[in-house]
Amino acid sequence: MANLYFTETALDASTARIELTGDEARHAVQVARARVGEKFLVSDGKGWQADAIVVAADKSVVVCDVEHARFDPVPLTRFVLAQALAKGDRDELAIQMATELGVDTVIPWQADRSVSRWTGDKVAKGVARWTSIVREASKQSLRSRIPNVEDPVSTAALSGRVIEANWIVLDPRSTTRLTEWFASSHNPRTIGVIVGPEGGITDDEIARFVADGVRPVRLDGPILRTSTAGPVAIAAILAMSGNW
């Protein structure tokens, strides 16, 4: 029961049969070699998950009977990751790992020092690419919720929405350690983590965030890449909050 597939069918406790279509069906049949009688997990990506038994399969549709549908409770601690666009695949690695750790929302951030730029038709392509990455990472980690990928934002737009969560910005120059911030934050339930690009976050960006209530914090130890800083911070918070 190691495989998970997402279905467009809405699941609930009364669901008796679902279908896998499109890429999910092709992967199940052509890659995983799913056959009639095989069992795997299915999810609607919105919190419902169930055991499924294949009753019919071809490369365009896989029909399954549903057993033991259940709803996974919303995690006690929810995360929003504002990840700066970065060159190569470093931003993609960041959101992949963050998804495996349980991030709820991902925001592409066009930081001042971002080398990568999403403009014109690159915006839709970039969002589609990130959406595919978090979907596949959710499947790999058997998550019943697929993170939401928002449209890219500027520093001004990101700063304007920080009230929605308890936000921190990772800055190695900060005098406040992540552990110190968490100890004084009274176990926040929704946490926003801002991660800068390869060249770091500018003083003006930090000042704007601070003016809107964001807390700069540092991760002690070696300076991490933009691909790893966010997931490391999320993992540390999960440990400190008792979720692990």
C-alpha atoms as a PDB file:
ATOM      1  CA  MET A   1       0.000   0.000   0.000  1.00  0.00           C
ATOM      2  CA  ALA A   2       2.942   2.334  -0.743  1.00  0.00           C
ATOM      3  CA  ASN A   3       1.399   4.211  -3.689  1.00  0.00           C
ATOM      4  CA  LEU A   4      -0.936   7.200  -3.522  1.00  0.00           C
ATOM      5  CA  TYR A   5      -2.977   8.557  -6.410  1.00  0.00           C
ATOM      6  CA  PHE A   6      -5.056  11.703  -6.565  1.00  0.00           C
ATOM      7  CA  THR A   7      -8.586  11.591  -7.929  1.00  0.00           C
ATOM      8  CA  GLU A   8     -10.766  14.414  -9.198  1.00  0.00           C
ATOM      9  CA  THR A   9     -13.697  12.680  -7.497  1.00  0.00           C
ATOM     10  CA  ALA A  10     -14.679  14.318  -4.214  1.00  0.00           C
ATOM     11  CA  LEU A  11     -14.256  11.807  -1.400  1.00  0.00           C
ATOM     12  CA  ASP A  12     -16.315  11.439   1.762  1.00  0.00           C
ATOM     13  CA  ALA A  13     -17.380   8.652   4.086  1.00  0.00           C
ATOM     14  CA  SER A  14     -20.086   7.512   1.657  1.00  0.00           C
ATOM     15  CA  THR A  15     -17.928   7.313  -1.486  1.00  0.00           C
ATOM     16  CA  ALA A  16     -18.079   3.802  -2.945  1.00  0.00           C
ATOM     17  CA  ARG A  17     -16.278   4.154  -6.283  1.00  0.00           C
ATOM     18  CA  ILE A  18     -13.780   6.563  -7.837  1.00  0.00           C
ATOM     19  CA  GLU A  19     -11.918   6.967 -11.109  1.00  0.00           C
ATOM     20  CA  LEU A  20      -8.339   7.901 -11.878  1.00  0.00           C
ATOM     21  CA  THR A  21      -7.979   9.723 -15.174  1.00  0.00           C
ATOM     22  CA  GLY A  22      -5.326  11.540 -17.203  1.00  0.00           C
ATOM     23  CA  ASP A  23      -1.746  11.358 -15.936  1.00  0.00           C
ATOM     24  CA  GLU A  24      -2.788   9.527 -12.775  1.00  0.00           C
ATOM     25  CA  ALA A  25      -4.343   6.696 -14.792  1.00  0.00           C
ATOM     26  CA  ARG A  26      -1.403   6.520 -17.186  1.00  0.00           C
ATOM     27  CA  HIS A  27       1.083   6.359 -14.327  1.00  0.00           C
ATOM     28  CA  ALA A  28      -0.901   3.705 -12.459  1.00  0.00           C
ATOM     29  CA  VAL A  29      -1.202   1.452 -15.509  1.00  0.00           C
ATOM     30  CA  GLN A  30       1.941   2.102 -17.550  1.00  0.00           C
ATOM     31  CA  VAL A  31       4.501   2.836 -14.809  1.00  0.00           C
ATOM     32  CA  ALA A  32       3.195   1.105 -11.667  1.00  0.00           C
ATOM     33  CA  ARG A  33       1.576  -1.708 -13.691  1.00  0.00           C
ATOM     34  CA  ALA A  34      -1.638  -1.590 -11.655  1.00  0.00           C
ATOM     35  CA  ARG A  35      -3.945  -4.507 -12.394  1.00  0.00           C
ATOM     36  CA  VAL A  36      -7.451  -5.569 -11.373  1.00  0.00           C
ATOM     37  CA  GLY A  37      -7.457  -6.589  -7.719  1.00  0.00           C
ATOM     38  CA  GLU A  38      -4.480  -4.413  -6.761  1.00  0.00           C
ATOM     39  CA  LYS A  39      -4.783  -2.099  -3.759  1.00  0.00           C
ATOM     40  CA  PHE A  40      -3.402   1.402  -3.218  1.00  0.00           C
ATOM     41  CA  LEU A  41      -4.282   4.700  -1.566  1.00  0.00           C
ATOM     42  CA  VAL A  42      -6.371   7.422  -3.202  1.00  0.00           C
ATOM     43  CA  SER A  43      -6.945  10.998  -2.083  1.00  0.00           C
ATOM     44  CA  ASP A  44      -8.864  14.030  -3.258  1.00  0.00           C
ATOM     45  CA  GLY A  45      -5.982  16.282  -2.189  1.00  0.00           C
ATOM     46  CA  LYS A  46      -8.267  18.102   0.249  1.00  0.00           C
ATOM     47  CA  GLY A  47      -7.913  15.948   3.336  1.00  0.00           C
ATOM     48  CA  TRP A  48      -9.788  12.767   2.413  1.00  0.00           C
ATOM     49  CA  GLN A  49      -7.904   9.528   1.850  1.00  0.00           C
ATOM     50  CA  ALA A  50      -9.088   5.968   1.276  1.00  0.00           C
ATOM     51  CA  ASP A  51      -7.990   2.446   0.460  1.00  0.00           C
ATOM     52  CA  ALA A  52      -8.890   1.517  -3.116  1.00  0.00           C
ATOM     53  CA  ILE A  53      -9.169  -1.750  -5.033  1.00  0.00           C
ATOM     54  CA  VAL A  54      -8.813  -1.700  -8.824  1.00  0.00           C
ATOM     55  CA  VAL A  55     -11.853  -3.152 -10.579  1.00  0.00           C
ATOM     56  CA  ALA A  56     -11.074  -1.995 -14.151  1.00  0.00           C
ATOM     57  CA  ALA A  57      -7.999  -0.427 -15.731  1.00  0.00           C
ATOM     58  CA  ASP A  58      -6.713   0.924 -19.017  1.00  0.00           C
ATOM     59  CA  LYS A  59      -4.340   3.786 -19.836  1.00  0.00           C
ATOM     60  CA  SER A  60      -7.135   6.382 -19.873  1.00  0.00           C
ATOM     61  CA  VAL A  61      -9.129   5.448 -16.765  1.00  0.00           C
ATOM     62  CA  VAL A  62      -8.710   3.311 -13.663  1.00  0.00           C
ATOM     63  CA  VAL A  63     -11.885   2.431 -11.777  1.00  0.00           C
ATOM     64  CA  CYS A  64     -11.606   1.577  -8.094  1.00  0.00           C
ATOM     65  CA  ASP A  65     -13.905   0.455  -5.313  1.00  0.00           C
ATOM     66  CA  VAL A  66     -13.340   2.511  -2.166  1.00  0.00           C
ATOM     67  CA  GLU A  67     -12.808   1.074   1.299  1.00  0.00           C
ATOM     68  CA  HIS A  68     -12.286   2.851   4.626  1.00  0.00           C
ATOM     69  CA  ALA A  69     -12.473   6.481   3.546  1.00  0.00           C
ATOM     70  CA  ARG A  70     -11.253   8.788   6.311  1.00  0.00           C
ATOM     71  CA  PHE A  71     -10.623  12.488   6.801  1.00  0.00           C
ATOM     72  CA  ASP A  72      -7.232  13.556   8.091  1.00  0.00           C
ATOM     73  CA  PRO A  73      -7.549  16.361  10.662  1.00  0.00           C
ATOM     74  CA  VAL A  74      -5.989  19.702   9.831  1.00  0.00           C
ATOM     75  CA  PRO A  75      -2.495  19.819  11.387  1.00  0.00           C
ATOM     76  CA  LEU A  76      -2.216  21.784  14.605  1.00  0.00           C
ATOM     77  CA  THR A  77       0.601  23.867  13.110  1.00  0.00           C
ATOM     78  CA  ARG A  78       0.157  25.184   9.571  1.00  0.00           C
ATOM     79  CA  PHE A  79       2.929  26.686   7.453  1.00  0.00           C
ATOM     80  CA  VAL A  80       3.054  29.242   4.661  1.00  0.00           C
ATOM     81  CA  LEU A  81       6.358  29.377   2.761  1.00  0.00           C
ATOM     82  CA  ALA A  82       7.275  32.532   0.837  1.00  0.00           C
ATOM     83  CA  GLN A  83      10.152  31.221  -1.256  1.00  0.00           C
ATOM     84  CA  ALA A  84      12.270  33.634  -3.269  1.00  0.00           C
ATOM     85  CA  LEU A  85      12.718  32.691  -6.898  1.00  0.00           C
ATOM     86  CA  ALA A  86      16.204  31.278  -7.390  1.00  0.00           C
ATOM     87  CA  LYS A  87      18.354  30.130 -10.269  1.00  0.00           C
ATOM     88  CA  GLY A  88      18.584  26.518 -11.317  1.00  0.00           C
ATOM     89  CA  ASP A  89      16.299  24.233  -9.391  1.00  0.00           C
ATOM     90  CA  ARG A  90      17.059  25.551  -5.894  1.00  0.00           C
ATOM     91  CA  ASP A  91      13.629  27.088  -5.352  1.00  0.00           C
ATOM     92  CA  GLU A  92      12.021  23.910  -6.657  1.00  0.00           C
ATOM     93  CA  LEU A  93      14.013  21.784  -4.221  1.00  0.00           C
ATOM     94  CA  ALA A  94      12.871  24.071  -1.408  1.00  0.00           C
ATOM     95  CA  ILE A  95       9.168  23.714  -2.135  1.00  0.00           C
ATOM     96  CA  GLN A  96       9.515  19.967  -2.701  1.00  0.00           C
ATOM     97  CA  MET A  97      11.067  19.420   0.722  1.00  0.00           C
ATOM     98  CA  ALA A  98       8.657  21.856   2.371  1.00  0.00           C
ATOM     99  CA  THR A  99       5.734  19.905   0.922  1.00  0.00           C
ATOM    100  CA  GLU A 100       7.098  16.663   2.331  1.00  0.00           C
ATOM    101  CA  LEU A 101       7.247  18.417   5.719  1.00  0.00           C
ATOM    102  CA  GLY A 102       3.606  19.506   5.500  1.00  0.00           C
ATOM    103  CA  VAL A 103       3.594  23.096   4.211  1.00  0.00           C
ATOM    104  CA  ASP A 104       0.071  24.342   3.516  1.00  0.00           C
ATOM    105  CA  THR A 105       0.651  27.250   1.102  1.00  0.00           C
ATOM    106  CA  VAL A 106       3.570  28.218  -1.143  1.00  0.00           C
ATOM    107  CA  ILE A 107       4.115  31.788  -2.371  1.00  0.00           C
ATOM    108  CA  PRO A 108       6.665  32.484  -5.133  1.00  0.00           C
ATOM    109  CA  TRP A 109       8.471  35.680  -4.106  1.00  0.00           C
ATOM    110  CA  GLN A 110      10.125  37.938  -6.679  1.00  0.00           C
ATOM    111  CA  ALA A 111      12.799  39.317  -4.358  1.00  0.00           C
ATOM    112  CA  ASP A 112      15.031  42.229  -5.291  1.00  0.00           C
ATOM    113  CA  ARG A 113      18.045  39.935  -5.679  1.00  0.00           C
ATOM    114  CA  SER A 114      16.256  37.057  -7.377  1.00  0.00           C
ATOM    115  CA  VAL A 115      18.242  36.041 -10.446  1.00  0.00           C
ATOM    116  CA  SER A 116      15.274  34.127 -11.837  1.00  0.00           C
ATOM    117  CA  ARG A 117      12.452  36.334 -13.112  1.00  0.00           C
ATOM    118  CA  TRP A 118       8.881  35.320 -13.904  1.00  0.00           C
ATOM    119  CA  THR A 119       7.487  37.782 -16.413  1.00  0.00           C
ATOM    120  CA  GLY A 120       4.921  37.513 -19.208  1.00  0.00           C
ATOM    121  CA  ASP A 121       4.061  33.929 -20.061  1.00  0.00           C
ATOM    122  CA  LYS A 122       6.686  32.707 -17.576  1.00  0.00           C
ATOM    123  CA  VAL A 123       4.265  33.488 -14.738  1.00  0.00           C
ATOM    124  CA  ALA A 124       1.686  30.880 -15.726  1.00  0.00           C
ATOM    125  CA  LYS A 125       4.414  28.376 -16.615  1.00  0.00           C
ATOM    126  CA  GLY A 126       6.174  28.915 -13.301  1.00  0.00           C
ATOM    127  CA  VAL A 127       3.022  28.490 -11.224  1.00  0.00           C
ATOM    128  CA  ALA A 128       2.108  25.368 -13.211  1.00  0.00           C
ATOM    129  CA  ARG A 129       5.595  23.956 -12.676  1.00  0.00           C
ATOM    130  CA  TRP A 130       5.516  24.583  -8.916  1.00  0.00           C
ATOM    131  CA  THR A 131       1.981  23.159  -8.709  1.00  0.00           C
ATOM    132  CA  SER A 132       3.200  19.973 -10.382  1.00  0.00           C
ATOM    133  CA  ILE A 133       6.159  19.755  -7.989  1.00  0.00           C
ATOM    134  CA  VAL A 134       4.062  20.056  -4.819  1.00  0.00           C
ATOM    135  CA  ARG A 135       1.528  17.584  -6.184  1.00  0.00           C
ATOM    136  CA  GLU A 136       4.206  14.969  -6.872  1.00  0.00           C
ATOM    137  CA  ALA A 137       5.855  15.620  -3.507  1.00  0.00           C
ATOM    138  CA  SER A 138       2.475  15.122  -1.825  1.00  0.00           C
ATOM    139  CA  LYS A 139       2.102  11.773  -3.572  1.00  0.00           C
ATOM    140  CA  GLN A 140       5.589  10.676  -2.574  1.00  0.00           C
ATOM    141  CA  SER A 141       4.987  11.556   1.077  1.00  0.00           C
ATOM    142  CA  LEU A 142       1.435  10.106   1.094  1.00  0.00           C
ATOM    143  CA  ARG A 143      -0.106  13.448   2.024  1.00  0.00           C
ATOM    144  CA  SER A 144      -3.858  13.837   1.747  1.00  0.00           C
ATOM    145  CA  ARG A 145      -3.585  17.598   1.169  1.00  0.00           C
ATOM    146  CA  ILE A 146      -1.903  19.251  -1.790  1.00  0.00           C
ATOM    147  CA  PRO A 147      -0.400  22.650  -0.915  1.00  0.00           C
ATOM    148  CA  ASN A 148      -1.818  25.688  -2.666  1.00  0.00           C
ATOM    149  CA  VAL A 149       0.625  27.531  -4.946  1.00  0.00           C
ATOM    150  CA  GLU A 150      -0.213  31.214  -5.229  1.00  0.00           C
ATOM    151  CA  ASP A 151       0.699  33.677  -7.955  1.00  0.00           C
ATOM    152  CA  PRO A 152       4.134  35.301  -7.604  1.00  0.00           C
ATOM    153  CA  VAL A 153       4.327  38.437  -5.480  1.00  0.00           C
ATOM    154  CA  SER A 154       6.642  41.394  -5.164  1.00  0.00           C
ATOM    155  CA  THR A 155       8.168  42.425  -1.850  1.00  0.00           C
ATOM    156  CA  ALA A 156       5.465  45.094  -1.441  1.00  0.00           C
ATOM    157  CA  ALA A 157       2.658  42.588  -2.058  1.00  0.00           C
ATOM    158  CA  LEU A 158       4.204  40.017   0.301  1.00  0.00           C
ATOM    159  CA  SER A 159       4.678  42.620   2.993  1.00  0.00           C
ATOM    160  CA  GLY A 160       1.032  43.624   2.667  1.00  0.00           C
ATOM    161  CA  ARG A 161      -0.292  40.194   3.594  1.00  0.00           C
ATOM    162  CA  VAL A 162       1.839  39.271   6.593  1.00  0.00           C
ATOM    163  CA  ILE A 163      -1.058  39.819   9.017  1.00  0.00           C
ATOM    164  CA  GLU A 164      -2.462  36.453   7.921  1.00  0.00           C
ATOM    165  CA  ALA A 165       0.110  34.500   9.940  1.00  0.00           C
ATOM    166  CA  ASN A 166       2.889  34.765  12.484  1.00  0.00           C
ATOM    167  CA  TRP A 167       5.645  35.608  10.036  1.00  0.00           C
ATOM    168  CA  ILE A 168       9.383  35.240  10.324  1.00  0.00           C
ATOM    169  CA  VAL A 169      12.085  36.086   7.808  1.00  0.00           C
ATOM    170  CA  LEU A 170      15.285  34.063   7.840  1.00  0.00           C
ATOM    171  CA  ASP A 171      18.234  36.449   8.140  1.00  0.00           C
ATOM    172  CA  PRO A 172      21.676  35.312   9.344  1.00  0.00           C
ATOM    173  CA  ARG A 173      22.344  38.876  10.559  1.00  0.00           C
ATOM    174  CA  SER A 174      19.489  38.760  13.049  1.00  0.00           C
ATOM    175  CA  THR A 175      20.265  38.787  16.779  1.00  0.00           C
ATOM    176  CA  THR A 176      17.262  36.553  17.482  1.00  0.00           C
ATOM    177  CA  ARG A 177      17.652  32.797  17.166  1.00  0.00           C
ATOM    178  CA  LEU A 178      14.790  30.724  15.787  1.00  0.00           C
ATOM    179  CA  THR A 179      14.529  28.893  19.103  1.00  0.00           C
ATOM    180  CA  GLU A 180      14.286  32.193  20.988  1.00  0.00           C
ATOM    181  CA  TRP A 181      11.520  33.460  18.712  1.00  0.00           C
ATOM    182  CA  PHE A 182       9.537  30.263  19.095  1.00  0.00           C
ATOM    183  CA  ALA A 183       9.879  30.248  22.881  1.00  0.00           C
ATOM    184  CA  SER A 184       8.385  33.759  23.016  1.00  0.00           C
ATOM    185  CA  SER A 185       5.675  33.192  20.397  1.00  0.00           C
ATOM    186  CA  HIS A 186       3.273  31.103  22.525  1.00  0.00           C
ATOM    187  CA  ASN A 187       3.150  28.150  20.121  1.00  0.00           C
ATOM    188  CA  PRO A 188       1.628  29.870  17.045  1.00  0.00           C
ATOM    189  CA  ARG A 189      -0.765  27.802  14.922  1.00  0.00           C
ATOM    190  CA  THR A 190      -0.122  29.448  11.547  1.00  0.00           C
ATOM    191  CA  ILE A 191       3.464  30.361  10.713  1.00  0.00           C
ATOM    192  CA  GLY A 192       4.773  32.166   7.649  1.00  0.00           C
ATOM    193  CA  VAL A 193       8.433  31.645   6.697  1.00  0.00           C
ATOM    194  CA  ILE A 194      10.150  34.042   4.274  1.00  0.00           C
ATOM    195  CA  VAL A 195      13.285  32.748   2.543  1.00  0.00           C
ATOM    196  CA  GLY A 196      15.495  34.960   0.396  1.00  0.00           C
ATOM    197  CA  PRO A 197      17.390  34.212  -2.833  1.00  0.00           C
ATOM    198  CA  GLU A 198      21.033  33.262  -3.311  1.00  0.00           C
ATOM    199  CA  GLY A 199      22.228  36.839  -2.873  1.00  0.00           C
ATOM    200  CA  GLY A 200      20.310  37.353   0.345  1.00  0.00           C
ATOM    201  CA  ILE A 201      17.593  39.797   1.367  1.00  0.00           C
ATOM    202  CA  THR A 202      18.282  43.512   1.063  1.00  0.00           C
ATOM    203  CA  ASP A 203      18.253  45.909   4.010  1.00  0.00           C
ATOM    204  CA  ASP A 204      15.251  47.697   2.482  1.00  0.00           C
ATOM    205  CA  GLU A 205      13.309  44.436   2.255  1.00  0.00           C
ATOM    206  CA  ILE A 206      14.105  43.561   5.856  1.00  0.00           C
ATOM    207  CA  ALA A 207      13.025  47.039   6.972  1.00  0.00           C
ATOM    208  CA  ARG A 208       9.725  46.732   5.115  1.00  0.00           C
ATOM    209  CA  PHE A 209       9.011  43.338   6.632  1.00  0.00           C
ATOM    210  CA  VAL A 210       9.896  44.504  10.139  1.00  0.00           C
ATOM    211  CA  ALA A 211       7.592  47.519   9.762  1.00  0.00           C
ATOM    212  CA  ASP A 212       4.745  45.076   9.084  1.00  0.00           C
ATOM    213  CA  GLY A 213       5.475  42.924  12.111  1.00  0.00           C
ATOM    214  CA  VAL A 214       7.695  40.226  10.612  1.00  0.00           C
ATOM    215  CA  ARG A 215      10.403  38.937  12.969  1.00  0.00           C
ATOM    216  CA  PRO A 216      13.885  38.424  11.517  1.00  0.00           C
ATOM    217  CA  VAL A 217      15.407  35.252  12.969  1.00  0.00           C
ATOM    218  CA  ARG A 218      18.595  33.332  12.353  1.00  0.00           C
ATOM    219  CA  LEU A 219      19.430  29.668  12.112  1.00  0.00           C
ATOM    220  CA  ASP A 220      22.637  29.042  14.032  1.00  0.00           C
ATOM    221  CA  GLY A 221      25.363  26.999  12.407  1.00  0.00           C
ATOM    222  CA  PRO A 222      26.508  26.976   8.790  1.00  0.00           C
ATOM    223  CA  ILE A 223      24.796  29.365   6.369  1.00  0.00           C
ATOM    224  CA  LEU A 224      22.249  27.341   4.400  1.00  0.00           C
ATOM    225  CA  ARG A 225      21.325  27.595   0.747  1.00  0.00           C
ATOM    226  CA  THR A 226      17.974  29.020  -0.304  1.00  0.00           C
ATOM    227  CA  SER A 227      17.003  25.445  -1.191  1.00  0.00           C
ATOM    228  CA  THR A 228      17.412  24.177   2.374  1.00  0.00           C
ATOM    229  CA  ALA A 229      16.848  27.110   4.744  1.00  0.00           C
ATOM    230  CA  GLY A 230      13.045  27.032   4.636  1.00  0.00           C
ATOM    231  CA  PRO A 231      12.653  23.276   5.103  1.00  0.00           C
ATOM    232  CA  VAL A 232      15.197  23.304   7.959  1.00  0.00           C
ATOM    233  CA  ALA A 233      13.277  26.082   9.732  1.00  0.00           C
ATOM    234  CA  ILE A 234       9.971  24.237   9.270  1.00  0.00           C
ATOM    235  CA  ALA A 235      11.482  20.994  10.566  1.00  0.00           C
ATOM    236  CA  ALA A 236      12.894  22.765  13.622  1.00  0.00           C
ATOM    237  CA  ILE A 237       9.526  24.379  14.406  1.00  0.00           C
ATOM    238  CA  LEU A 238       7.744  21.042  14.036  1.00  0.00           C
ATOM    239  CA  ALA A 239      10.148  19.548  16.560  1.00  0.00           C
ATOM    240  CA  MET A 240       9.856  22.444  19.000  1.00  0.00           C
ATOM    241  CA  SER A 241       6.051  22.483  18.790  1.00  0.00           C
ATOM    242  CA  GLY A 242       5.789  18.795  19.650  1.00  0.00           C
ATOM    243  CA  ASN A 243       4.348  17.803  16.259  1.00  0.00           C
ATOM    244  CA  TRP A 244       7.205  15.337  15.848  1.00  0.00           C
END
